[in-house]
Amino acid sequence: MLLDKLVINVHNMLLLYIVLDVMVCLATVFSTLYSICSIFSMAMTVYDCMAML
């Protein structure tokens, strides 16, 4: 009986770890995309300024 509870607890812990891993991964991907987009828009702004000059 105790073993069953232990197995369920371990299973829940693993699920929690997997969910956390996925969330961290998504956050990293989104922040990377955001950085790339901001750098790209900054470059475009600089390019526009150069074009006006």
N, C-alpha and C. Protein backbone atom coordinates (compact mmCIF):
# COMPACT_ATOMS: atom_id res chain seq x y z
N MET A 1 0.84 -1.20 0.00
CA MET A 1 0.00 0.00 0.00
C MET A 1 0.88 1.26 0.00
N LEU A 2 1.90 1.25 0.83
CA LEU A 2 2.81 2.39 0.92
C LEU A 2 3.55 2.59 -0.40
N LEU A 3 3.90 1.48 -1.03
CA LEU A 3 4.64 1.53 -2.30
C LEU A 3 3.80 2.21 -3.39
N ASP A 4 2.50 1.90 -3.40
CA ASP A 4 1.60 2.51 -4.38
C ASP A 4 1.59 4.03 -4.23
N LYS A 5 1.49 4.51 -2.98
CA LYS A 5 1.49 5.94 -2.73
C LYS A 5 2.80 6.57 -3.18
N LEU A 6 3.90 5.87 -2.92
CA LEU A 6 5.22 6.36 -3.30
C LEU A 6 5.32 6.49 -4.82
N VAL A 7 4.84 5.47 -5.52
CA VAL A 7 4.87 5.47 -6.99
C VAL A 7 4.05 6.64 -7.53
N ILE A 8 2.87 6.86 -6.95
CA ILE A 8 2.01 7.96 -7.39
C ILE A 8 2.70 9.30 -7.14
N ASN A 9 3.33 9.44 -5.97
CA ASN A 9 4.04 10.68 -5.66
C ASN A 9 5.18 10.94 -6.63
N VAL A 10 5.96 9.89 -6.92
CA VAL A 10 7.08 10.02 -7.86
C VAL A 10 6.55 10.41 -9.24
N HIS A 11 5.44 9.78 -9.64
CA HIS A 11 4.83 10.07 -10.94
C HIS A 11 4.41 11.53 -11.02
N ASN A 12 3.78 12.03 -9.96
CA ASN A 12 3.35 13.43 -9.91
C ASN A 12 4.53 14.37 -9.97
N MET A 13 5.60 14.02 -9.25
CA MET A 13 6.81 14.84 -9.26
C MET A 13 7.38 14.92 -10.66
N LEU A 14 7.43 13.77 -11.34
CA LEU A 14 7.97 13.73 -12.71
C LEU A 14 7.12 14.59 -13.63
N LEU A 15 5.80 14.49 -13.50
CA LEU A 15 4.91 15.31 -14.32
C LEU A 15 5.17 16.79 -14.08
N LEU A 16 5.34 17.15 -12.80
CA LEU A 16 5.60 18.53 -12.43
C LEU A 16 6.90 19.02 -13.05
N TYR A 17 7.94 18.17 -12.96
CA TYR A 17 9.23 18.53 -13.54
C TYR A 17 9.12 18.73 -15.05
N ILE A 18 8.37 17.83 -15.71
CA ILE A 18 8.21 17.92 -17.17
C ILE A 18 7.49 19.23 -17.53
N VAL A 19 6.43 19.54 -16.78
CA VAL A 19 5.67 20.78 -17.04
C VAL A 19 6.57 22.00 -16.85
N LEU A 20 7.36 21.99 -15.76
CA LEU A 20 8.27 23.11 -15.50
C LEU A 20 9.30 23.24 -16.61
N ASP A 21 9.85 22.10 -17.04
CA ASP A 21 10.83 22.11 -18.13
C ASP A 21 10.24 22.73 -19.39
N VAL A 22 9.03 22.31 -19.73
CA VAL A 22 8.36 22.82 -20.93
C VAL A 22 8.14 24.33 -20.81
N MET A 23 7.71 24.78 -19.63
CA MET A 23 7.46 26.21 -19.42
C MET A 23 8.75 27.02 -19.55
N VAL A 24 9.83 26.50 -18.97
CA VAL A 24 11.12 27.19 -19.06
C VAL A 24 11.57 27.25 -20.51
N CYS A 25 11.39 26.14 -21.22
CA CYS A 25 11.77 26.06 -22.64
C CYS A 25 10.99 27.09 -23.44
N LEU A 26 9.69 27.15 -23.23
CA LEU A 26 8.84 28.12 -23.95
C LEU A 26 9.25 29.55 -23.63
N ALA A 27 9.52 29.81 -22.36
CA ALA A 27 9.93 31.16 -21.95
C ALA A 27 11.22 31.56 -22.65
N THR A 28 12.17 30.61 -22.71
CA THR A 28 13.45 30.88 -23.37
C THR A 28 13.24 31.18 -24.85
N VAL A 29 12.42 30.35 -25.50
CA VAL A 29 12.15 30.54 -26.93
C VAL A 29 11.51 31.90 -27.18
N PHE A 30 10.51 32.25 -26.35
CA PHE A 30 9.82 33.53 -26.53
C PHE A 30 10.75 34.72 -26.30
N SER A 31 11.60 34.62 -25.27
CA SER A 31 12.51 35.74 -25.00
C SER A 31 13.53 35.89 -26.12
N THR A 32 13.98 34.74 -26.67
CA THR A 32 14.93 34.78 -27.78
C THR A 32 14.29 35.42 -29.01
N LEU A 33 13.05 35.00 -29.30
CA LEU A 33 12.32 35.58 -30.44
C LEU A 33 12.13 37.08 -30.24
N TYR A 34 11.79 37.47 -29.01
CA TYR A 34 11.58 38.89 -28.70
C TYR A 34 12.87 39.69 -28.92
N SER A 35 14.00 39.12 -28.48
CA SER A 35 15.30 39.79 -28.66
C SER A 35 15.59 39.97 -30.14
N ILE A 36 15.38 38.90 -30.92
CA ILE A 36 15.65 38.95 -32.35
C ILE A 36 14.77 40.02 -33.01
N CYS A 37 13.49 40.03 -32.63
CA CYS A 37 12.56 41.01 -33.20
C CYS A 37 12.97 42.44 -32.85
N SER A 38 13.34 42.67 -31.59
CA SER A 38 13.71 44.03 -31.18
C SER A 38 14.99 44.47 -31.88
N ILE A 39 15.96 43.56 -32.01
CA ILE A 39 17.21 43.89 -32.71
C ILE A 39 16.90 44.21 -34.17
N PHE A 40 16.02 43.40 -34.78
CA PHE A 40 15.65 43.59 -36.18
C PHE A 40 14.97 44.94 -36.38
N SER A 41 14.03 45.28 -35.49
CA SER A 41 13.31 46.56 -35.62
C SER A 41 14.25 47.73 -35.40
N MET A 42 15.21 47.57 -34.48
CA MET A 42 16.20 48.62 -34.24
C MET A 42 17.05 48.82 -35.49
N ALA A 43 17.46 47.72 -36.10
CA ALA A 43 18.26 47.79 -37.32
C ALA A 43 17.48 48.47 -38.44
N MET A 44 16.19 48.15 -38.55
CA MET A 44 15.35 48.77 -39.57
C MET A 44 15.23 50.27 -39.33
N THR A 45 15.09 50.67 -38.06
CA THR A 45 14.99 52.09 -37.72
C THR A 45 16.27 52.82 -38.11
N VAL A 46 17.41 52.22 -37.77
CA VAL A 46 18.71 52.81 -38.13
C VAL A 46 18.82 52.92 -39.64
N TYR A 47 18.39 51.86 -40.34
CA TYR A 47 18.44 51.85 -41.81
C TYR A 47 17.58 52.97 -42.39
N ASP A 48 16.38 53.16 -41.82
CA ASP A 48 15.48 54.24 -42.26
C ASP A 48 16.14 55.60 -42.06
N CYS A 49 16.77 55.78 -40.91
CA CYS A 49 17.46 57.05 -40.62
C CYS A 49 18.58 57.30 -41.63
N MET A 50 19.33 56.25 -41.95
CA MET A 50 20.41 56.36 -42.92
C MET A 50 19.85 56.72 -44.29
N ALA A 51 18.71 56.11 -44.64
CA ALA A 51 18.09 56.36 -45.94
C ALA A 51 17.65 57.82 -46.05
N MET A 52 17.17 58.39 -44.95
CA MET A 52 16.73 59.79 -44.95
C MET A 52 17.92 60.74 -45.14
N LEU A 53 19.05 60.36 -44.55
CA LEU A 53 20.26 61.18 -44.71
C LEU A 53 20.77 60.98 -46.13
